[in-house]
Amino acid sequence: MGNTIRIYVDESLPQILEKIRCEVAADIKKRYNLDEITINGTLASKILAAKMRGDNFLNFHIRKVGLNKGILELL
């Protein structure tokens, strides 16, 4: 997991990160036929940073925790 750095941000940034987290979760659930996917910690900010860098491909792994449930982990 990445380092956590304490910074001051605009109050709208957490809402944007939550929106990205929800969009990524919905896409992965649809693509991999899952009922539930968990995106923990700072993954939403890592995904946003990758989008801002122009990375079109992210290496990730879905750790299965149930029949149709998983946890997203970036490699």
PDB file of N, CA and C in Angstrom:
ATOM      1  N   MET A   1       0.845  -1.169   0.000  1.00  0.00           N
ATOM      2  CA  MET A   1       0.000   0.000   0.000  1.00  0.00           C
ATOM      3  C   MET A   1       0.888   1.229   0.000  1.00  0.00           C
ATOM      4  N   GLY A   2       0.435   2.296  -0.586  1.00  0.00           N
ATOM      5  CA  GLY A   2       1.205   3.526  -0.703  1.00  0.00           C
ATOM      6  C   GLY A   2       1.296   4.278   0.605  1.00  0.00           C
ATOM      7  N   ASN A   3       2.156   5.270   0.581  1.00  0.00           N
ATOM      8  CA  ASN A   3       2.298   6.131   1.749  1.00  0.00           C
ATOM      9  C   ASN A   3       1.117   7.074   1.833  1.00  0.00           C
ATOM     10  N   THR A   4       0.678   7.342   3.034  1.00  0.00           N
ATOM     11  CA  THR A   4      -0.377   8.314   3.264  1.00  0.00           C
ATOM     12  C   THR A   4       0.266   9.617   3.686  1.00  0.00           C
ATOM     13  N   ILE A   5      -0.081  10.689   2.984  1.00  0.00           N
ATOM     14  CA  ILE A   5       0.483  11.998   3.246  1.00  0.00           C
ATOM     15  C   ILE A   5      -0.645  12.930   3.648  1.00  0.00           C
ATOM     16  N   ARG A   6      -0.473  13.639   4.737  1.00  0.00           N
ATOM     17  CA  ARG A   6      -1.489  14.579   5.202  1.00  0.00           C
ATOM     18  C   ARG A   6      -1.340  15.885   4.433  1.00  0.00           C
ATOM     19  N   ILE A   7      -2.381  16.255   3.687  1.00  0.00           N
ATOM     20  CA  ILE A   7      -2.384  17.504   2.941  1.00  0.00           C
ATOM     21  C   ILE A   7      -3.732  18.178   3.118  1.00  0.00           C
ATOM     22  N   TYR A   8      -3.791  19.455   2.825  1.00  0.00           N
ATOM     23  CA  TYR A   8      -5.045  20.176   2.847  1.00  0.00           C
ATOM     24  C   TYR A   8      -5.557  20.287   1.419  1.00  0.00           C
ATOM     25  N   VAL A   9      -6.829  19.938   1.219  1.00  0.00           N
ATOM     26  CA  VAL A   9      -7.408  19.949  -0.125  1.00  0.00           C
ATOM     27  C   VAL A   9      -8.747  20.678  -0.084  1.00  0.00           C
ATOM     28  N   ASP A  10      -9.205  21.023  -1.258  1.00  0.00           N
ATOM     29  CA  ASP A  10     -10.520  21.634  -1.379  1.00  0.00           C
ATOM     30  C   ASP A  10     -11.576  20.639  -0.910  1.00  0.00           C
ATOM     31  N   GLU A  11     -12.639  21.132  -0.333  1.00  0.00           N
ATOM     32  CA  GLU A  11     -13.675  20.260   0.222  1.00  0.00           C
ATOM     33  C   GLU A  11     -14.390  19.430  -0.836  1.00  0.00           C
ATOM     34  N   SER A  12     -14.255  19.767  -2.109  1.00  0.00           N
ATOM     35  CA  SER A  12     -14.915  19.002  -3.162  1.00  0.00           C
ATOM     36  C   SER A  12     -14.117  17.766  -3.572  1.00  0.00           C
ATOM     37  N   LEU A  13     -12.821  17.691  -3.230  1.00  0.00           N
ATOM     38  CA  LEU A  13     -11.996  16.566  -3.660  1.00  0.00           C
ATOM     39  C   LEU A  13     -12.478  15.218  -3.116  1.00  0.00           C
ATOM     40  N   PRO A  14     -12.834  15.091  -1.842  1.00  0.00           N
ATOM     41  CA  PRO A  14     -13.340  13.799  -1.382  1.00  0.00           C
ATOM     42  C   PRO A  14     -14.587  13.341  -2.146  1.00  0.00           C
ATOM     43  N   GLN A  15     -15.438  14.267  -2.543  1.00  0.00           N
ATOM     44  CA  GLN A  15     -16.626  13.914  -3.324  1.00  0.00           C
ATOM     45  C   GLN A  15     -16.226  13.397  -4.700  1.00  0.00           C
ATOM     46  N   ILE A  16     -15.210  14.004  -5.310  1.00  0.00           N
ATOM     47  CA  ILE A  16     -14.727  13.569  -6.618  1.00  0.00           C
ATOM     48  C   ILE A  16     -14.102  12.181  -6.505  1.00  0.00           C
ATOM     49  N   LEU A  17     -13.316  11.951  -5.470  1.00  0.00           N
ATOM     50  CA  LEU A  17     -12.712  10.631  -5.276  1.00  0.00           C
ATOM     51  C   LEU A  17     -13.772   9.569  -5.050  1.00  0.00           C
ATOM     52  N   GLU A  18     -14.817   9.901  -4.323  1.00  0.00           N
ATOM     53  CA  GLU A  18     -15.914   8.957  -4.105  1.00  0.00           C
ATOM     54  C   GLU A  18     -16.627   8.654  -5.422  1.00  0.00           C
ATOM     55  N   LYS A  19     -16.810   9.667  -6.261  1.00  0.00           N
ATOM     56  CA  LYS A  19     -17.441   9.461  -7.564  1.00  0.00           C
ATOM     57  C   LYS A  19     -16.599   8.525  -8.430  1.00  0.00           C
ATOM     58  N   ILE A  20     -15.286   8.732  -8.437  1.00  0.00           N
ATOM     59  CA  ILE A  20     -14.389   7.861  -9.201  1.00  0.00           C
ATOM     60  C   ILE A  20     -14.444   6.444  -8.660  1.00  0.00           C
ATOM     61  N   ARG A  21     -14.432   6.303  -7.331  1.00  0.00           N
ATOM     62  CA  ARG A  21     -14.496   4.976  -6.711  1.00  0.00           C
ATOM     63  C   ARG A  21     -15.760   4.250  -7.130  1.00  0.00           C
ATOM     64  N   CYS A  22     -16.892   4.945  -7.140  1.00  0.00           N
ATOM     65  CA  CYS A  22     -18.163   4.336  -7.529  1.00  0.00           C
ATOM     66  C   CYS A  22     -18.182   3.954  -9.008  1.00  0.00           C
ATOM     67  N   GLU A  23     -17.624   4.817  -9.862  1.00  0.00           N
ATOM     68  CA  GLU A  23     -17.586   4.518 -11.299  1.00  0.00           C
ATOM     69  C   GLU A  23     -16.717   3.300 -11.584  1.00  0.00           C
ATOM     70  N   VAL A  24     -15.557   3.231 -10.947  1.00  0.00           N
ATOM     71  CA  VAL A  24     -14.660   2.093 -11.146  1.00  0.00           C
ATOM     72  C   VAL A  24     -15.300   0.817 -10.621  1.00  0.00           C
ATOM     73  N   ALA A  25     -15.932   0.895  -9.458  1.00  0.00           N
ATOM     74  CA  ALA A  25     -16.586  -0.281  -8.882  1.00  0.00           C
ATOM     75  C   ALA A  25     -17.709  -0.777  -9.789  1.00  0.00           C
ATOM     76  N   ALA A  26     -18.512   0.130 -10.310  1.00  0.00           N
ATOM     77  CA  ALA A  26     -19.618  -0.270 -11.196  1.00  0.00           C
ATOM     78  C   ALA A  26     -19.080  -0.924 -12.462  1.00  0.00           C
ATOM     79  N   ASP A  27     -18.004  -0.365 -13.025  1.00  0.00           N
ATOM     80  CA  ASP A  27     -17.412  -0.927 -14.237  1.00  0.00           C
ATOM     81  C   ASP A  27     -16.859  -2.329 -13.983  1.00  0.00           C
ATOM     82  N   ILE A  28     -16.160  -2.516 -12.883  1.00  0.00           N
ATOM     83  CA  ILE A  28     -15.571  -3.816 -12.571  1.00  0.00           C
ATOM     84  C   ILE A  28     -16.647  -4.839 -12.255  1.00  0.00           C
ATOM     85  N   LYS A  29     -17.672  -4.421 -11.519  1.00  0.00           N
ATOM     86  CA  LYS A  29     -18.770  -5.351 -11.214  1.00  0.00           C
ATOM     87  C   LYS A  29     -19.433  -5.839 -12.490  1.00  0.00           C
ATOM     88  N   LYS A  30     -19.656  -4.935 -13.421  1.00  0.00           N
ATOM     89  CA  LYS A  30     -20.291  -5.302 -14.681  1.00  0.00           C
ATOM     90  C   LYS A  30     -19.373  -6.184 -15.520  1.00  0.00           C
ATOM     91  N   ARG A  31     -18.110  -5.799 -15.617  1.00  0.00           N
ATOM     92  CA  ARG A  31     -17.153  -6.508 -16.463  1.00  0.00           C
ATOM     93  C   ARG A  31     -16.871  -7.926 -15.975  1.00  0.00           C
ATOM     94  N   TYR A  32     -16.793  -8.118 -14.653  1.00  0.00           N
ATOM     95  CA  TYR A  32     -16.430  -9.413 -14.094  1.00  0.00           C
ATOM     96  C   TYR A  32     -17.597 -10.128 -13.422  1.00  0.00           C
ATOM     97  N   ASN A  33     -18.808  -9.644 -13.643  1.00  0.00           N
ATOM     98  CA  ASN A  33     -20.023 -10.281 -13.137  1.00  0.00           C
ATOM     99  C   ASN A  33     -19.965 -10.516 -11.621  1.00  0.00           C
ATOM    100  N   LEU A  34     -19.684  -9.437 -10.885  1.00  0.00           N
ATOM    101  CA  LEU A  34     -19.620  -9.499  -9.433  1.00  0.00           C
ATOM    102  C   LEU A  34     -20.812  -8.767  -8.838  1.00  0.00           C
ATOM    103  N   ASP A  35     -21.235  -9.211  -7.678  1.00  0.00           N
ATOM    104  CA  ASP A  35     -22.306  -8.525  -6.957  1.00  0.00           C
ATOM    105  C   ASP A  35     -21.752  -7.410  -6.082  1.00  0.00           C
ATOM    106  N   GLU A  36     -20.522  -7.593  -5.598  1.00  0.00           N
ATOM    107  CA  GLU A  36     -19.939  -6.626  -4.673  1.00  0.00           C
ATOM    108  C   GLU A  36     -18.437  -6.548  -4.892  1.00  0.00           C
ATOM    109  N   ILE A  37     -17.920  -5.338  -4.951  1.00  0.00           N
ATOM    110  CA  ILE A  37     -16.475  -5.117  -5.052  1.00  0.00           C
ATOM    111  C   ILE A  37     -16.103  -4.042  -4.050  1.00  0.00           C
ATOM    112  N   THR A  38     -14.987  -4.228  -3.369  1.00  0.00           N
ATOM    113  CA  THR A  38     -14.528  -3.278  -2.371  1.00  0.00           C
ATOM    114  C   THR A  38     -13.266  -2.594  -2.884  1.00  0.00           C
ATOM    115  N   ILE A  39     -13.239  -1.280  -2.786  1.00  0.00           N
ATOM    116  CA  ILE A  39     -12.062  -0.493  -3.153  1.00  0.00           C
ATOM    117  C   ILE A  39     -11.626   0.227  -1.895  1.00  0.00           C
ATOM    118  N   ASN A  40     -10.551  -0.263  -1.276  1.00  0.00           N
ATOM    119  CA  ASN A  40     -10.106   0.221   0.026  1.00  0.00           C
ATOM    120  C   ASN A  40      -9.084   1.339  -0.066  1.00  0.00           C
ATOM    121  N   GLY A  41      -8.932   2.039   1.030  1.00  0.00           N
ATOM    122  CA  GLY A  41      -7.834   2.965   1.247  1.00  0.00           C
ATOM    123  C   GLY A  41      -7.680   4.046   0.198  1.00  0.00           C
ATOM    124  N   THR A  42      -6.462   4.159  -0.292  1.00  0.00           N
ATOM    125  CA  THR A  42      -6.116   5.246  -1.195  1.00  0.00           C
ATOM    126  C   THR A  42      -6.215   4.846  -2.662  1.00  0.00           C
ATOM    127  N   LEU A  43      -6.886   3.734  -2.964  1.00  0.00           N
ATOM    128  CA  LEU A  43      -6.956   3.281  -4.350  1.00  0.00           C
ATOM    129  C   LEU A  43      -7.659   4.287  -5.256  1.00  0.00           C
ATOM    130  N   ALA A  44      -8.667   4.971  -4.761  1.00  0.00           N
ATOM    131  CA  ALA A  44      -9.368   5.958  -5.595  1.00  0.00           C
ATOM    132  C   ALA A  44      -8.411   7.073  -6.009  1.00  0.00           C
ATOM    133  N   SER A  45      -7.556   7.528  -5.096  1.00  0.00           N
ATOM    134  CA  SER A  45      -6.608   8.581  -5.454  1.00  0.00           C
ATOM    135  C   SER A  45      -5.529   8.050  -6.390  1.00  0.00           C
ATOM    136  N   LYS A  46      -5.140   6.778  -6.258  1.00  0.00           N
ATOM    137  CA  LYS A  46      -4.179   6.178  -7.185  1.00  0.00           C
ATOM    138  C   LYS A  46      -4.776   6.072  -8.584  1.00  0.00           C
ATOM    139  N   ILE A  47      -6.043   5.716  -8.666  1.00  0.00           N
ATOM    140  CA  ILE A  47      -6.724   5.621  -9.958  1.00  0.00           C
ATOM    141  C   ILE A  47      -6.822   7.002 -10.594  1.00  0.00           C
ATOM    142  N   LEU A  48      -7.172   8.016  -9.803  1.00  0.00           N
ATOM    143  CA  LEU A  48      -7.242   9.378 -10.319  1.00  0.00           C
ATOM    144  C   LEU A  48      -5.874   9.846 -10.801  1.00  0.00           C
ATOM    145  N   ALA A  49      -4.824   9.561 -10.041  1.00  0.00           N
ATOM    146  CA  ALA A  49      -3.471   9.958 -10.439  1.00  0.00           C
ATOM    147  C   ALA A  49      -3.075   9.283 -11.751  1.00  0.00           C
ATOM    148  N   ALA A  50      -3.429   8.016 -11.913  1.00  0.00           N
ATOM    149  CA  ALA A  50      -3.123   7.303 -13.156  1.00  0.00           C
ATOM    150  C   ALA A  50      -3.872   7.924 -14.334  1.00  0.00           C
ATOM    151  N   LYS A  51      -5.136   8.300 -14.121  1.00  0.00           N
ATOM    152  CA  LYS A  51      -5.894   8.955 -15.185  1.00  0.00           C
ATOM    153  C   LYS A  51      -5.269  10.289 -15.563  1.00  0.00           C
ATOM    154  N   MET A  52      -4.818  11.046 -14.571  1.00  0.00           N
ATOM    155  CA  MET A  52      -4.217  12.353 -14.834  1.00  0.00           C
ATOM    156  C   MET A  52      -2.874  12.218 -15.558  1.00  0.00           C
ATOM    157  N   ARG A  53      -2.148  11.131 -15.294  1.00  0.00           N
ATOM    158  CA  ARG A  53      -0.885  10.873 -15.991  1.00  0.00           C
ATOM    159  C   ARG A  53      -1.116  10.381 -17.414  1.00  0.00           C
ATOM    160  N   GLY A  54      -2.345   9.978 -17.716  1.00  0.00           N
ATOM    161  CA  GLY A  54      -2.651   9.474 -19.045  1.00  0.00           C
ATOM    162  C   GLY A  54      -2.483   7.980 -19.183  1.00  0.00           C
ATOM    163  N   ASP A  55      -2.340   7.271 -18.068  1.00  0.00           N
ATOM    164  CA  ASP A  55      -2.227   5.814 -18.121  1.00  0.00           C
ATOM    165  C   ASP A  55      -3.580   5.224 -18.495  1.00  0.00           C
ATOM    166  N   ASN A  56      -3.620   4.462 -19.564  1.00  0.00           N
ATOM    167  CA  ASN A  56      -4.864   3.842 -20.008  1.00  0.00           C
ATOM    168  C   ASN A  56      -5.015   2.428 -19.487  1.00  0.00           C
ATOM    169  N   PHE A  57      -3.973   1.885 -18.904  1.00  0.00           N
ATOM    170  CA  PHE A  57      -4.006   0.502 -18.448  1.00  0.00           C
ATOM    171  C   PHE A  57      -3.461   0.434 -17.035  1.00  0.00           C
ATOM    172  N   LEU A  58      -4.217  -0.160 -16.135  1.00  0.00           N
ATOM    173  CA  LEU A  58      -3.782  -0.367 -14.754  1.00  0.00           C
ATOM    174  C   LEU A  58      -3.680  -1.861 -14.479  1.00  0.00           C
ATOM    175  N   ASN A  59      -2.598  -2.266 -13.844  1.00  0.00           N
ATOM    176  CA  ASN A  59      -2.469  -3.652 -13.416  1.00  0.00           C
ATOM    177  C   ASN A  59      -3.203  -3.808 -12.097  1.00  0.00           C
ATOM    178  N   PHE A  60      -4.178  -4.706 -12.070  1.00  0.00           N
ATOM    179  CA  PHE A  60      -4.915  -4.912 -10.839  1.00  0.00           C
ATOM    180  C   PHE A  60      -5.237  -6.384 -10.671  1.00  0.00           C
ATOM    181  N   HIS A  61      -5.629  -6.717  -9.479  1.00  0.00           N
ATOM    182  CA  HIS A  61      -6.007  -8.078  -9.112  1.00  0.00           C
ATOM    183  C   HIS A  61      -7.277  -7.973  -8.276  1.00  0.00           C
ATOM    184  N   ILE A  62      -8.196  -8.881  -8.474  1.00  0.00           N
ATOM    185  CA  ILE A  62      -9.404  -8.926  -7.643  1.00  0.00           C
ATOM    186  C   ILE A  62      -9.271 -10.132  -6.730  1.00  0.00           C
ATOM    187  N   ARG A  63      -9.128  -9.866  -5.440  1.00  0.00           N
ATOM    188  CA  ARG A  63      -9.035 -10.947  -4.459  1.00  0.00           C
ATOM    189  C   ARG A  63     -10.449 -11.376  -4.109  1.00  0.00           C
ATOM    190  N   LYS A  64     -10.775 -12.612  -4.443  1.00  0.00           N
ATOM    191  CA  LYS A  64     -12.120 -13.122  -4.187  1.00  0.00           C
ATOM    192  C   LYS A  64     -12.297 -13.393  -2.697  1.00  0.00           C
ATOM    193  N   VAL A  65     -13.409 -12.922  -2.142  1.00  0.00           N
ATOM    194  CA  VAL A  65     -13.733 -13.166  -0.735  1.00  0.00           C
ATOM    195  C   VAL A  65     -15.088 -13.850  -0.600  1.00  0.00           C
ATOM    196  N   GLY A  66     -15.681 -14.204  -1.702  1.00  0.00           N
ATOM    197  CA  GLY A  66     -16.968 -14.891  -1.727  1.00  0.00           C
ATOM    198  C   GLY A  66     -17.267 -15.298  -3.150  1.00  0.00           C
ATOM    199  N   LEU A  67     -18.415 -15.912  -3.348  1.00  0.00           N
ATOM    200  CA  LEU A  67     -18.782 -16.397  -4.671  1.00  0.00           C
ATOM    201  C   LEU A  67     -18.820 -15.260  -5.689  1.00  0.00           C
ATOM    202  N   ASN A  68     -19.473 -14.157  -5.357  1.00  0.00           N
ATOM    203  CA  ASN A  68     -19.578 -13.017  -6.262  1.00  0.00           C
ATOM    204  C   ASN A  68     -19.086 -11.732  -5.604  1.00  0.00           C
ATOM    205  N   LYS A  69     -18.072 -11.840  -4.745  1.00  0.00           N
ATOM    206  CA  LYS A  69     -17.546 -10.686  -4.025  1.00  0.00           C
ATOM    207  C   LYS A  69     -16.037 -10.659  -4.160  1.00  0.00           C
ATOM    208  N   GLY A  70     -15.470  -9.450  -4.197  1.00  0.00           N
ATOM    209  CA  GLY A  70     -14.032  -9.335  -4.297  1.00  0.00           C
ATOM    210  C   GLY A  70     -13.537  -8.004  -3.782  1.00  0.00           C
ATOM    211  N   ILE A  71     -12.205  -7.927  -3.635  1.00  0.00           N
ATOM    212  CA  ILE A  71     -11.543  -6.709  -3.203  1.00  0.00           C
ATOM    213  C   ILE A  71     -10.536  -6.328  -4.280  1.00  0.00           C
ATOM    214  N   LEU A  72     -10.616  -5.107  -4.770  1.00  0.00           N
ATOM    215  CA  LEU A  72      -9.709  -4.641  -5.805  1.00  0.00           C
ATOM    216  C   LEU A  72      -8.355  -4.308  -5.191  1.00  0.00           C
ATOM    217  N   GLU A  73      -7.292  -4.822  -5.817  1.00  0.00           N
ATOM    218  CA  GLU A  73      -5.929  -4.528  -5.384  1.00  0.00           C
ATOM    219  C   GLU A  73      -5.123  -4.162  -6.619  1.00  0.00           C
ATOM    220  N   LEU A  74      -4.445  -3.026  -6.565  1.00  0.00           N
ATOM    221  CA  LEU A  74      -3.560  -2.623  -7.655  1.00  0.00           C
ATOM    222  C   LEU A  74      -2.213  -3.313  -7.470  1.00  0.00           C
ATOM    223  N   LEU A  75      -1.617  -3.700  -8.587  1.00  0.00           N
ATOM    224  CA  LEU A  75      -0.301  -4.369  -8.530  1.00  0.00           C
ATOM    225  C   LEU A  75       0.810  -3.374  -8.744  1.00  0.00           C
TER     226      LEU A  75
END
